[in-house]
Every structure is written in structure tokens, then in C-alpha cells.
């Protein structure tokens, strides 16, 4: 999606790496879908949804659970770094 927007390759690489680190999937970057777990596939789907920084993500019940897990994971990572969490929902 970023290449279609004519974003430079260096910026795409840094954006994708950053998002993968936040989702805890940077170690599976070179793997095929058959080589990763179901949770890792769901986090990859989240990464694809969030890469363009959408203002709104509409999700069905299955996706809602993935987003909840992502939010909890993000909060836990932020707390470990010592930053404050702000709930904007």
C-alpha cells in the first residue's frame, strides 16, 4: 500500500520495521504464512490495516478480538518503557 502512494523505499522499510516491532513480529519478516502461527498472522493483518495510519478501523467480532489483544500488548509495552498510557477511546 505504501509503494502505491509513491513513498520512498527507505521510508517504507523504516515504517514497516517500526510497526512490526510494535506488534512483536519483526522476527517473522522473511517467513511465509505457512511458517507462522495464527496469532502472528493476525498481527500481520493488523500491521496491514495500520500501515497507512487510518483514522478509523472498522472490525467484525473476530477482528475486534485482534484489536483488543493489540491494544493490551501496546499498553504493556508502553508501561514497560515507563511512559504514561492515555485512553483516547
N, C-alpha and C. Protein backbone atom coordinates (compact mmCIF):
# COMPACT_ATOMS: atom_id res chain seq x y z
N UNK A 1 0.81 -1.22 0.00
CA UNK A 1 0.00 0.00 0.00
C UNK A 1 0.85 1.27 0.00
N UNK A 2 1.98 1.25 0.68
CA UNK A 2 2.82 2.45 0.72
C UNK A 2 3.51 2.69 -0.61
N UNK A 3 3.87 1.63 -1.32
CA UNK A 3 4.51 1.79 -2.62
C UNK A 3 3.55 2.42 -3.63
N UNK A 4 2.28 2.08 -3.53
CA UNK A 4 1.27 2.67 -4.43
C UNK A 4 1.15 4.17 -4.20
N UNK A 5 1.42 4.60 -2.98
CA UNK A 5 1.36 6.03 -2.65
C UNK A 5 2.65 6.76 -3.01
N UNK A 6 3.58 6.06 -3.69
CA UNK A 6 4.87 6.64 -4.10
C UNK A 6 5.73 7.09 -2.93
N UNK A 7 5.68 6.36 -1.85
CA UNK A 7 6.54 6.63 -0.70
C UNK A 7 7.89 5.99 -0.97
N UNK A 8 8.99 6.68 -0.68
CA UNK A 8 10.33 6.12 -0.95
C UNK A 8 10.57 4.80 -0.21
N UNK A 9 11.36 3.93 -0.83
CA UNK A 9 11.62 2.60 -0.28
C UNK A 9 12.23 2.65 1.11
N UNK A 10 13.13 3.60 1.38
CA UNK A 10 13.74 3.71 2.71
C UNK A 10 12.68 4.01 3.77
N UNK A 11 11.77 4.90 3.44
CA UNK A 11 10.71 5.27 4.38
C UNK A 11 9.75 4.09 4.60
N UNK A 12 9.46 3.36 3.55
CA UNK A 12 8.60 2.18 3.67
C UNK A 12 9.25 1.18 4.61
N UNK A 13 10.53 0.92 4.39
CA UNK A 13 11.25 -0.07 5.21
C UNK A 13 11.24 0.34 6.68
N UNK A 14 11.51 1.60 6.97
CA UNK A 14 11.55 2.03 8.37
C UNK A 14 10.16 2.00 9.00
N UNK A 15 9.14 2.40 8.24
CA UNK A 15 7.77 2.37 8.75
C UNK A 15 7.33 0.94 9.06
N UNK A 16 7.60 0.04 8.12
CA UNK A 16 7.20 -1.36 8.31
C UNK A 16 7.96 -1.98 9.48
N UNK A 17 9.26 -1.74 9.56
CA UNK A 17 10.05 -2.29 10.68
C UNK A 17 9.53 -1.78 12.03
N UNK A 18 9.23 -0.50 12.10
CA UNK A 18 8.71 0.08 13.34
C UNK A 18 7.39 -0.56 13.74
N UNK A 19 6.50 -0.71 12.78
CA UNK A 19 5.20 -1.32 13.06
C UNK A 19 5.35 -2.78 13.46
N UNK A 20 6.24 -3.49 12.80
CA UNK A 20 6.48 -4.89 13.14
C UNK A 20 7.05 -5.03 14.55
N UNK A 21 7.92 -4.11 14.94
CA UNK A 21 8.47 -4.14 16.29
C UNK A 21 7.38 -3.90 17.33
N UNK A 22 6.50 -2.95 17.05
CA UNK A 22 5.40 -2.66 17.98
C UNK A 22 4.47 -3.85 18.16
N UNK A 23 4.32 -4.64 17.09
CA UNK A 23 3.43 -5.79 17.13
C UNK A 23 4.16 -7.08 17.52
N UNK A 24 5.46 -7.01 17.71
CA UNK A 24 6.22 -8.18 18.12
C UNK A 24 6.38 -9.23 17.04
N UNK A 25 6.43 -8.82 15.77
CA UNK A 25 6.55 -9.78 14.67
C UNK A 25 7.75 -9.50 13.79
N UNK A 26 8.72 -8.74 14.27
CA UNK A 26 9.88 -8.43 13.44
C UNK A 26 10.72 -9.67 13.10
N UNK A 27 10.63 -10.71 13.93
CA UNK A 27 11.41 -11.92 13.68
C UNK A 27 10.82 -12.80 12.59
N UNK A 28 9.62 -12.51 12.12
CA UNK A 28 9.00 -13.34 11.09
C UNK A 28 8.93 -12.63 9.73
N UNK A 29 9.68 -11.57 9.57
CA UNK A 29 9.59 -10.76 8.35
C UNK A 29 9.89 -11.56 7.08
N UNK A 30 10.78 -12.51 7.14
CA UNK A 30 11.17 -13.25 5.94
C UNK A 30 10.46 -14.59 5.80
N UNK A 31 9.48 -14.84 6.65
CA UNK A 31 8.79 -16.14 6.61
C UNK A 31 7.53 -16.06 5.76
N UNK A 32 7.10 -17.24 5.29
CA UNK A 32 5.86 -17.37 4.55
C UNK A 32 4.71 -17.63 5.51
N UNK A 33 3.46 -17.33 5.13
CA UNK A 33 2.31 -17.53 6.04
C UNK A 33 2.22 -18.94 6.63
N UNK A 34 2.59 -19.95 5.87
CA UNK A 34 2.52 -21.33 6.37
C UNK A 34 3.56 -21.60 7.47
N UNK A 35 4.52 -20.70 7.63
CA UNK A 35 5.59 -20.89 8.60
C UNK A 35 5.36 -20.14 9.91
N UNK A 36 4.24 -19.45 10.05
CA UNK A 36 4.00 -18.67 11.27
C UNK A 36 2.71 -19.12 11.95
N UNK A 37 2.57 -18.74 13.21
CA UNK A 37 1.40 -19.14 13.99
C UNK A 37 0.17 -18.30 13.61
N UNK A 38 -0.98 -18.73 14.09
CA UNK A 38 -2.22 -18.00 13.83
C UNK A 38 -2.19 -16.60 14.42
N UNK A 39 -1.65 -16.46 15.62
CA UNK A 39 -1.54 -15.14 16.25
C UNK A 39 -0.64 -14.20 15.48
N UNK A 40 0.46 -14.76 14.95
CA UNK A 40 1.37 -13.95 14.15
C UNK A 40 0.69 -13.50 12.86
N UNK A 41 -0.13 -14.37 12.28
CA UNK A 41 -0.88 -14.00 11.08
C UNK A 41 -1.86 -12.87 11.39
N UNK A 42 -2.50 -12.94 12.56
CA UNK A 42 -3.44 -11.89 12.94
C UNK A 42 -2.71 -10.56 13.16
N UNK A 43 -1.53 -10.61 13.77
CA UNK A 43 -0.77 -9.38 13.97
C UNK A 43 -0.29 -8.81 12.64
N UNK A 44 0.03 -9.68 11.68
CA UNK A 44 0.38 -9.21 10.33
C UNK A 44 -0.82 -8.50 9.69
N UNK A 45 -2.00 -9.05 9.91
CA UNK A 45 -3.22 -8.41 9.38
C UNK A 45 -3.41 -7.03 10.02
N UNK A 46 -3.13 -6.92 11.31
CA UNK A 46 -3.20 -5.62 11.99
C UNK A 46 -2.19 -4.66 11.37
N UNK A 47 -0.99 -5.14 11.12
CA UNK A 47 0.04 -4.29 10.53
C UNK A 47 -0.41 -3.75 9.17
N UNK A 48 -1.00 -4.63 8.36
CA UNK A 48 -1.50 -4.18 7.05
C UNK A 48 -2.60 -3.13 7.21
N UNK A 49 -3.42 -3.29 8.23
CA UNK A 49 -4.51 -2.33 8.45
C UNK A 49 -3.98 -1.00 8.97
N UNK A 50 -2.92 -1.03 9.77
CA UNK A 50 -2.43 0.19 10.42
C UNK A 50 -1.32 0.90 9.66
N UNK A 51 -0.76 0.28 8.62
CA UNK A 51 0.40 0.86 7.95
C UNK A 51 0.12 2.22 7.34
N UNK A 52 -1.09 2.47 6.90
CA UNK A 52 -1.43 3.78 6.33
C UNK A 52 -1.97 4.76 7.34
N UNK A 53 -1.91 4.40 8.62
CA UNK A 53 -2.37 5.26 9.73
C UNK A 53 -3.80 5.74 9.51
N UNK A 54 -4.74 4.80 9.42
CA UNK A 54 -6.13 5.20 9.18
C UNK A 54 -6.73 5.91 10.40
N UNK A 55 -7.66 6.77 10.15
CA UNK A 55 -8.35 7.46 11.23
C UNK A 55 -9.38 6.57 11.91
N UNK A 56 -9.85 5.56 11.18
CA UNK A 56 -10.89 4.67 11.70
C UNK A 56 -10.68 3.28 11.13
N UNK A 57 -10.79 2.27 11.99
CA UNK A 57 -10.72 0.88 11.55
C UNK A 57 -12.02 0.21 11.95
N UNK A 58 -12.77 -0.25 10.97
CA UNK A 58 -14.00 -0.98 11.24
C UNK A 58 -13.65 -2.46 11.30
N UNK A 59 -14.13 -3.12 12.35
CA UNK A 59 -13.75 -4.52 12.54
C UNK A 59 -14.97 -5.35 12.94
N UNK A 60 -14.99 -6.59 12.45
CA UNK A 60 -16.04 -7.51 12.87
C UNK A 60 -15.64 -8.11 14.22
N UNK A 61 -16.42 -9.04 14.73
CA UNK A 61 -16.16 -9.60 16.06
C UNK A 61 -14.78 -10.23 16.14
N UNK A 62 -14.39 -11.00 15.12
CA UNK A 62 -13.08 -11.64 15.12
C UNK A 62 -11.98 -10.59 15.15
N UNK A 63 -12.10 -9.58 14.32
CA UNK A 63 -11.12 -8.51 14.29
C UNK A 63 -11.09 -7.74 15.60
N UNK A 64 -12.26 -7.57 16.21
CA UNK A 64 -12.31 -6.83 17.46
C UNK A 64 -11.42 -7.49 18.50
N UNK A 65 -11.41 -8.81 18.55
CA UNK A 65 -10.56 -9.51 19.50
C UNK A 65 -9.09 -9.27 19.17
N UNK A 66 -8.75 -9.27 17.90
CA UNK A 66 -7.37 -9.00 17.50
C UNK A 66 -6.97 -7.59 17.94
N UNK A 67 -7.85 -6.62 17.74
CA UNK A 67 -7.56 -5.25 18.13
C UNK A 67 -7.43 -5.11 19.64
N UNK A 68 -8.26 -5.83 20.39
CA UNK A 68 -8.15 -5.79 21.85
C UNK A 68 -6.80 -6.33 22.28
N UNK A 69 -6.39 -7.45 21.71
CA UNK A 69 -5.09 -8.04 22.03
C UNK A 69 -3.98 -7.06 21.67
N UNK A 70 -4.09 -6.41 20.51
CA UNK A 70 -3.09 -5.42 20.10
C UNK A 70 -3.02 -4.26 21.10
N UNK A 71 -4.17 -3.76 21.51
CA UNK A 71 -4.20 -2.64 22.46
C UNK A 71 -3.58 -3.03 23.80
N UNK A 72 -3.92 -4.21 24.29
CA UNK A 72 -3.35 -4.67 25.56
C UNK A 72 -1.84 -4.81 25.42
N UNK A 73 -1.39 -5.39 24.32
CA UNK A 73 0.04 -5.56 24.07
C UNK A 73 0.73 -4.20 24.04
N UNK A 74 0.14 -3.23 23.35
CA UNK A 74 0.72 -1.89 23.25
C UNK A 74 0.82 -1.23 24.61
N UNK A 75 -0.24 -1.36 25.41
CA UNK A 75 -0.25 -0.75 26.75
C UNK A 75 0.85 -1.38 27.60
N UNK A 76 0.98 -2.69 27.54
CA UNK A 76 2.01 -3.36 28.33
C UNK A 76 3.40 -2.90 27.92
N UNK A 77 3.64 -2.76 26.62
CA UNK A 77 4.95 -2.30 26.15
C UNK A 77 5.21 -0.87 26.61
N UNK A 78 4.19 0.00 26.54
CA UNK A 78 4.38 1.38 26.97
C UNK A 78 4.66 1.46 28.46
N UNK A 79 3.99 0.65 29.24
CA UNK A 79 4.22 0.66 30.69
C UNK A 79 5.62 0.18 31.02
N UNK A 80 6.12 -0.78 30.26
CA UNK A 80 7.47 -1.27 30.50
C UNK A 80 8.50 -0.19 30.22
N UNK A 81 8.21 0.68 29.26
CA UNK A 81 9.13 1.76 28.92
C UNK A 81 9.01 2.93 29.89
N UNK A 82 8.02 2.90 30.75
CA UNK A 82 7.85 3.96 31.72
C UNK A 82 7.06 5.15 31.23
N UNK A 83 6.38 5.03 30.10
CA UNK A 83 5.57 6.13 29.60
C UNK A 83 4.14 5.98 30.10
N UNK A 84 3.44 7.06 30.13
CA UNK A 84 2.05 7.05 30.58
C UNK A 84 1.13 6.62 29.44
N UNK A 85 0.09 5.93 29.77
CA UNK A 85 -0.88 5.50 28.78
C UNK A 85 -2.09 6.43 28.85
N UNK A 86 -2.51 6.90 27.70
CA UNK A 86 -3.69 7.76 27.64
C UNK A 86 -4.78 7.05 26.84
N UNK A 87 -5.94 6.85 27.43
CA UNK A 87 -7.04 6.20 26.72
C UNK A 87 -7.79 7.25 25.95
N UNK A 88 -7.77 7.17 24.63
CA UNK A 88 -8.44 8.17 23.80
C UNK A 88 -9.76 7.67 23.27
N UNK A 89 -10.17 6.48 23.67
CA UNK A 89 -11.43 5.91 23.17
C UNK A 89 -12.63 6.57 23.80
